[in-house]
């Protein structure tokens, strides 16, 4: 399989995943004789959905950008790379499920744990693919900084699984902190 075909397939799958998540963003129906209070309550009811969608969207965007950056350096694909990529896409395709569950039950430890578990699968998929590309197949030069960054995010996401039962708020700090952490190095390099 050509590298460009694999990239195009991946882009299409990620686009569909984000579209599926967006379908859940609906403002509740208003009664026929609604008041201003009813409108505000309906808007407030959708805030957890907007928050969980935004969080997942940013994570998927970071993964898409990292995927693009990694594939930009790869000269060609291999059959193993195709399967590592398929695992990553499988993990990414699961993101709408915990996103919707988290939106419906933001303080439920099981919802937070499920979100952390799916994000752990995603980070493991990227970590395994980067390891294969850089270390096993040597399709690109090994970049310890990026590999370490992927490994740390994997460990942090994994920590949110048991942490959800200690404090859902600490898990949320990790969920929000990881995307912020991915933006910091670029900002620091520009300075």
C-alpha atoms as a PDB file:
ATOM      1  CA  UNK A   1       0.000   0.000   0.000  1.00  0.00           C
ATOM      2  CA  UNK A   2       1.335   3.410  -0.885  1.00  0.00           C
ATOM      3  CA  UNK A   3       2.064   5.889   1.854  1.00  0.00           C
ATOM      4  CA  UNK A   4      -0.281   8.469   0.333  1.00  0.00           C
ATOM      5  CA  UNK A   5      -3.173   5.983   0.247  1.00  0.00           C
ATOM      6  CA  UNK A   6      -2.637   5.167   3.925  1.00  0.00           C
ATOM      7  CA  UNK A   7      -2.548   8.879   4.794  1.00  0.00           C
ATOM      8  CA  UNK A   8      -5.727   9.590   2.801  1.00  0.00           C
ATOM      9  CA  UNK A   9      -7.540   6.686   4.473  1.00  0.00           C
ATOM     10  CA  UNK A  10      -6.414   7.893   7.912  1.00  0.00           C
ATOM     11  CA  UNK A  11      -7.557  11.454   7.172  1.00  0.00           C
ATOM     12  CA  UNK A  12     -10.966  10.162   6.081  1.00  0.00           C
ATOM     13  CA  UNK A  13     -11.419   8.024   9.195  1.00  0.00           C
ATOM     14  CA  UNK A  14     -10.445  10.891  11.497  1.00  0.00           C
ATOM     15  CA  UNK A  15     -12.863  13.210   9.670  1.00  0.00           C
ATOM     16  CA  UNK A  16     -15.701  10.721  10.168  1.00  0.00           C
ATOM     17  CA  UNK A  17     -14.836  10.297  13.872  1.00  0.00           C
ATOM     18  CA  UNK A  18     -15.039  14.050  14.468  1.00  0.00           C
ATOM     19  CA  UNK A  19     -18.302  14.260  12.501  1.00  0.00           C
ATOM     20  CA  UNK A  20     -19.846  11.470  14.602  1.00  0.00           C
ATOM     21  CA  UNK A  21     -18.889  13.327  17.781  1.00  0.00           C
ATOM     22  CA  UNK A  22     -20.462  16.550  16.451  1.00  0.00           C
ATOM     23  CA  UNK A  23     -23.814  14.793  15.900  1.00  0.00           C
ATOM     24  CA  UNK A  24     -24.271  14.612  19.682  1.00  0.00           C
ATOM     25  CA  UNK A  25     -24.150  18.405  20.022  1.00  0.00           C
ATOM     26  CA  UNK A  26     -27.859  19.172  20.106  1.00  0.00           C
ATOM     27  CA  UNK A  27     -29.676  21.771  22.164  1.00  0.00           C
ATOM     28  CA  UNK A  28     -32.664  20.170  23.919  1.00  0.00           C
ATOM     29  CA  UNK A  29     -36.109  20.897  22.463  1.00  0.00           C
ATOM     30  CA  UNK A  30     -37.968  23.773  24.041  1.00  0.00           C
ATOM     31  CA  UNK A  31     -41.609  23.564  25.095  1.00  0.00           C
ATOM     32  CA  UNK A  32     -44.092  25.494  22.970  1.00  0.00           C
ATOM     33  CA  UNK A  33     -44.517  28.334  25.491  1.00  0.00           C
ATOM     34  CA  UNK A  34     -40.891  28.620  26.573  1.00  0.00           C
ATOM     35  CA  UNK A  35     -39.465  31.354  28.766  1.00  0.00           C
ATOM     36  CA  UNK A  36     -36.021  32.945  28.873  1.00  0.00           C
ATOM     37  CA  UNK A  37     -35.267  30.690  31.832  1.00  0.00           C
ATOM     38  CA  UNK A  38     -36.081  27.607  29.711  1.00  0.00           C
ATOM     39  CA  UNK A  39     -33.709  28.819  26.982  1.00  0.00           C
ATOM     40  CA  UNK A  40     -30.874  29.360  29.465  1.00  0.00           C
ATOM     41  CA  UNK A  41     -31.495  25.962  31.070  1.00  0.00           C
ATOM     42  CA  UNK A  42     -31.355  24.305  27.630  1.00  0.00           C
ATOM     43  CA  UNK A  43     -28.104  26.089  26.829  1.00  0.00           C
ATOM     44  CA  UNK A  44     -26.598  25.175  30.201  1.00  0.00           C
ATOM     45  CA  UNK A  45     -27.639  21.547  29.689  1.00  0.00           C
ATOM     46  CA  UNK A  46     -25.512  21.352  26.532  1.00  0.00           C
ATOM     47  CA  UNK A  47     -22.334  22.740  28.193  1.00  0.00           C
ATOM     48  CA  UNK A  48     -20.997  19.330  29.351  1.00  0.00           C
ATOM     49  CA  UNK A  49     -21.431  18.067  25.773  1.00  0.00           C
ATOM     50  CA  UNK A  50     -19.568  21.069  24.374  1.00  0.00           C
ATOM     51  CA  UNK A  51     -16.783  20.606  26.938  1.00  0.00           C
ATOM     52  CA  UNK A  52     -16.290  16.870  26.273  1.00  0.00           C
ATOM     53  CA  UNK A  53     -16.557  17.406  22.497  1.00  0.00           C
ATOM     54  CA  UNK A  54     -13.991  20.227  22.637  1.00  0.00           C
ATOM     55  CA  UNK A  55     -11.608  18.148  24.731  1.00  0.00           C
ATOM     56  CA  UNK A  56     -11.848  15.158  22.397  1.00  0.00           C
ATOM     57  CA  UNK A  57     -11.654  17.368  19.298  1.00  0.00           C
ATOM     58  CA  UNK A  58      -8.403  18.957  20.502  1.00  0.00           C
ATOM     59  CA  UNK A  59      -6.918  15.537  21.366  1.00  0.00           C
ATOM     60  CA  UNK A  60      -7.888  14.145  17.947  1.00  0.00           C
ATOM     61  CA  UNK A  61      -6.507  17.270  16.257  1.00  0.00           C
ATOM     62  CA  UNK A  62      -3.177  16.841  18.051  1.00  0.00           C
ATOM     63  CA  UNK A  63      -3.085  13.184  17.057  1.00  0.00           C
ATOM     64  CA  UNK A  64      -3.888  14.070  13.436  1.00  0.00           C
ATOM     65  CA  UNK A  65      -1.134  16.716  13.401  1.00  0.00           C
ATOM     66  CA  UNK A  66       1.377  14.268  14.931  1.00  0.00           C
ATOM     67  CA  UNK A  67       0.253  11.575  12.485  1.00  0.00           C
ATOM     68  CA  UNK A  68       0.784  13.978   9.588  1.00  0.00           C
ATOM     69  CA  UNK A  69       4.204  15.073  10.890  1.00  0.00           C
ATOM     70  CA  UNK A  70       5.307  11.453  11.344  1.00  0.00           C
ATOM     71  CA  UNK A  71       4.063  10.303   7.928  1.00  0.00           C
ATOM     72  CA  UNK A  72       5.621  13.328   6.262  1.00  0.00           C
ATOM     73  CA  UNK A  73       9.051  11.921   7.214  1.00  0.00           C
ATOM     74  CA  UNK A  74       8.314   8.294   6.243  1.00  0.00           C
ATOM     75  CA  UNK A  75       9.625   7.414   2.774  1.00  0.00           C
ATOM     76  CA  UNK A  76       7.246   4.456   2.250  1.00  0.00           C
ATOM     77  CA  UNK A  77       4.808   2.270   4.121  1.00  0.00           C
ATOM     78  CA  UNK A  78       5.254  -1.349   5.172  1.00  0.00           C
ATOM     79  CA  UNK A  79       2.656  -3.981   5.984  1.00  0.00           C
ATOM     80  CA  UNK A  80       3.486  -3.673   9.703  1.00  0.00           C
ATOM     81  CA  UNK A  81       3.064   0.093   9.531  1.00  0.00           C
ATOM     82  CA  UNK A  82      -0.387  -0.401   7.971  1.00  0.00           C
ATOM     83  CA  UNK A  83      -1.438  -2.574  10.931  1.00  0.00           C
ATOM     84  CA  UNK A  84       0.013  -0.217  13.541  1.00  0.00           C
ATOM     85  CA  UNK A  85      -1.892   2.580  11.812  1.00  0.00           C
ATOM     86  CA  UNK A  86      -5.075   0.473  11.794  1.00  0.00           C
ATOM     87  CA  UNK A  87      -4.751  -0.097  15.540  1.00  0.00           C
ATOM     88  CA  UNK A  88      -4.393   3.648  16.067  1.00  0.00           C
ATOM     89  CA  UNK A  89      -7.430   4.348  13.873  1.00  0.00           C
ATOM     90  CA  UNK A  90      -9.413   1.679  15.745  1.00  0.00           C
ATOM     91  CA  UNK A  91      -8.567   3.342  19.061  1.00  0.00           C
ATOM     92  CA  UNK A  92      -9.460   6.747  17.638  1.00  0.00           C
ATOM     93  CA  UNK A  93     -12.794   5.409  16.344  1.00  0.00           C
ATOM     94  CA  UNK A  94     -13.737   4.550  19.941  1.00  0.00           C
ATOM     95  CA  UNK A  95     -13.370   8.189  21.104  1.00  0.00           C
ATOM     96  CA  UNK A  96     -17.010   9.234  20.402  1.00  0.00           C
ATOM     97  CA  UNK A  97     -18.339   6.606  22.848  1.00  0.00           C
ATOM     98  CA  UNK A  98     -16.592   7.844  26.027  1.00  0.00           C
ATOM     99  CA  UNK A  99     -16.958  11.439  24.838  1.00  0.00           C
ATOM    100  CA  UNK A 100     -20.759  11.076  24.819  1.00  0.00           C
ATOM    101  CA  UNK A 101     -20.774   9.114  28.086  1.00  0.00           C
ATOM    102  CA  UNK A 102     -18.598  11.757  29.755  1.00  0.00           C
ATOM    103  CA  UNK A 103     -20.888  14.512  28.443  1.00  0.00           C
ATOM    104  CA  UNK A 104     -23.917  12.795  29.971  1.00  0.00           C
ATOM    105  CA  UNK A 105     -22.208  11.972  33.301  1.00  0.00           C
ATOM    106  CA  UNK A 106     -19.222  14.305  33.859  1.00  0.00           C
ATOM    107  CA  UNK A 107     -18.840  13.480  37.564  1.00  0.00           C
ATOM    108  CA  UNK A 108     -19.381   9.730  37.279  1.00  0.00           C
ATOM    109  CA  UNK A 109     -16.070   7.927  38.015  1.00  0.00           C
ATOM    110  CA  UNK A 110     -16.874   5.150  35.526  1.00  0.00           C
ATOM    111  CA  UNK A 111     -17.396   7.695  32.715  1.00  0.00           C
ATOM    112  CA  UNK A 112     -14.098   9.391  33.530  1.00  0.00           C
ATOM    113  CA  UNK A 113     -12.359   6.001  33.813  1.00  0.00           C
ATOM    114  CA  UNK A 114     -13.717   4.911  30.406  1.00  0.00           C
ATOM    115  CA  UNK A 115     -12.524   8.158  28.828  1.00  0.00           C
ATOM    116  CA  UNK A 116      -9.076   7.622  30.353  1.00  0.00           C
ATOM    117  CA  UNK A 117      -9.004   4.008  29.157  1.00  0.00           C
ATOM    118  CA  UNK A 118      -9.855   4.954  25.550  1.00  0.00           C
ATOM    119  CA  UNK A 119      -7.291   7.761  25.597  1.00  0.00           C
ATOM    120  CA  UNK A 120      -4.740   5.266  26.942  1.00  0.00           C
ATOM    121  CA  UNK A 121      -5.486   3.018  23.952  1.00  0.00           C
ATOM    122  CA  UNK A 122      -5.004   5.984  21.628  1.00  0.00           C
ATOM    123  CA  UNK A 123      -1.726   7.049  23.165  1.00  0.00           C
ATOM    124  CA  UNK A 124      -0.479   3.445  23.128  1.00  0.00           C
ATOM    125  CA  UNK A 125      -1.361   3.241  19.428  1.00  0.00           C
ATOM    126  CA  UNK A 126       0.681   6.306  18.629  1.00  0.00           C
ATOM    127  CA  UNK A 127       3.522   5.212  20.878  1.00  0.00           C
ATOM    128  CA  UNK A 128       3.696   1.769  19.233  1.00  0.00           C
ATOM    129  CA  UNK A 129       3.550   3.240  15.738  1.00  0.00           C
ATOM    130  CA  UNK A 130       6.286   5.790  16.489  1.00  0.00           C
ATOM    131  CA  UNK A 131       8.430   3.058  18.048  1.00  0.00           C
ATOM    132  CA  UNK A 132       8.015   0.872  14.970  1.00  0.00           C
ATOM    133  CA  UNK A 133       8.730   3.701  12.513  1.00  0.00           C
ATOM    134  CA  UNK A 134      11.758   5.106  14.333  1.00  0.00           C
ATOM    135  CA  UNK A 135      13.334   2.143  16.132  1.00  0.00           C
ATOM    136  CA  UNK A 136      12.266  -1.148  14.533  1.00  0.00           C
ATOM    137  CA  UNK A 137      11.888  -0.312  10.829  1.00  0.00           C
ATOM    138  CA  UNK A 138      14.145   2.753  10.942  1.00  0.00           C
ATOM    139  CA  UNK A 139      11.929   4.519   8.414  1.00  0.00           C
ATOM    140  CA  UNK A 140      12.850   7.841  10.020  1.00  0.00           C
ATOM    141  CA  UNK A 141      15.521   8.969  12.418  1.00  0.00           C
ATOM    142  CA  UNK A 142      14.798   8.330  16.079  1.00  0.00           C
ATOM    143  CA  UNK A 143      13.654  11.429  17.925  1.00  0.00           C
ATOM    144  CA  UNK A 144      13.934  10.691  21.656  1.00  0.00           C
ATOM    145  CA  UNK A 145      12.134  13.924  22.562  1.00  0.00           C
ATOM    146  CA  UNK A 146       8.946  12.960  20.682  1.00  0.00           C
ATOM    147  CA  UNK A 147       9.151   9.352  21.796  1.00  0.00           C
ATOM    148  CA  UNK A 148       9.482  10.458  25.427  1.00  0.00           C
ATOM    149  CA  UNK A 149       6.563  12.851  25.006  1.00  0.00           C
ATOM    150  CA  UNK A 150       4.365  10.033  23.643  1.00  0.00           C
ATOM    151  CA  UNK A 151       5.425   7.735  26.475  1.00  0.00           C
ATOM    152  CA  UNK A 152       4.667  10.344  29.155  1.00  0.00           C
ATOM    153  CA  UNK A 153       1.216  11.051  27.730  1.00  0.00           C
ATOM    154  CA  UNK A 154       0.555   7.280  27.686  1.00  0.00           C
ATOM    155  CA  UNK A 155       1.503   7.042  31.383  1.00  0.00           C
ATOM    156  CA  UNK A 156      -0.562  10.092  32.285  1.00  0.00           C
ATOM    157  CA  UNK A 157      -3.650   8.792  30.485  1.00  0.00           C
ATOM    158  CA  UNK A 158      -3.156   5.385  32.103  1.00  0.00           C
ATOM    159  CA  UNK A 159      -2.990   7.070  35.534  1.00  0.00           C
ATOM    160  CA  UNK A 160      -6.464   8.566  35.011  1.00  0.00           C
ATOM    161  CA  UNK A 161      -8.060   5.097  35.035  1.00  0.00           C
ATOM    162  CA  UNK A 162      -7.565   4.461  38.781  1.00  0.00           C
ATOM    163  CA  UNK A 163      -7.434   8.203  39.530  1.00  0.00           C
ATOM    164  CA  UNK A 164     -11.064   8.564  38.374  1.00  0.00           C
ATOM    165  CA  UNK A 165     -12.161   6.696  41.497  1.00  0.00           C
ATOM    166  CA  UNK A 166     -10.068   8.960  43.726  1.00  0.00           C
ATOM    167  CA  UNK A 167     -11.058  12.272  42.113  1.00  0.00           C
ATOM    168  CA  UNK A 168     -12.713  12.868  38.755  1.00  0.00           C
ATOM    169  CA  UNK A 169     -11.429  16.444  38.951  1.00  0.00           C
ATOM    170  CA  UNK A 170      -7.792  15.314  39.111  1.00  0.00           C
ATOM    171  CA  UNK A 171      -8.449  13.131  36.077  1.00  0.00           C
ATOM    172  CA  UNK A 172      -9.892  16.161  34.279  1.00  0.00           C
ATOM    173  CA  UNK A 173      -6.739  18.105  35.099  1.00  0.00           C
ATOM    174  CA  UNK A 174      -4.740  15.383  33.357  1.00  0.00           C
ATOM    175  CA  UNK A 175      -7.152  15.312  30.392  1.00  0.00           C
ATOM    176  CA  UNK A 176      -6.837  19.082  29.977  1.00  0.00           C
ATOM    177  CA  UNK A 177      -3.150  19.215  30.870  1.00  0.00           C
ATOM    178  CA  UNK A 178      -1.970  16.808  28.177  1.00  0.00           C
ATOM    179  CA  UNK A 179      -3.228  18.916  25.219  1.00  0.00           C
ATOM    180  CA  UNK A 180      -1.865  22.068  26.861  1.00  0.00           C
ATOM    181  CA  UNK A 181       1.485  20.315  27.282  1.00  0.00           C
ATOM    182  CA  UNK A 182       1.566  19.496  23.553  1.00  0.00           C
ATOM    183  CA  UNK A 183       1.104  23.185  22.735  1.00  0.00           C
ATOM    184  CA  UNK A 184       3.757  24.481  25.159  1.00  0.00           C
ATOM    185  CA  UNK A 185       6.930  23.299  23.373  1.00  0.00           C
ATOM    186  CA  UNK A 186       5.984  25.114  20.154  1.00  0.00           C
ATOM    187  CA  UNK A 187       5.270  28.329  22.031  1.00  0.00           C
ATOM    188  CA  UNK A 188       8.522  28.085  23.994  1.00  0.00           C
ATOM    189  CA  UNK A 189      10.558  27.463  20.822  1.00  0.00           C
ATOM    190  CA  UNK A 190       9.145  30.613  19.217  1.00  0.00           C
ATOM    191  CA  UNK A 191      10.353  32.709  22.177  1.00  0.00           C
END
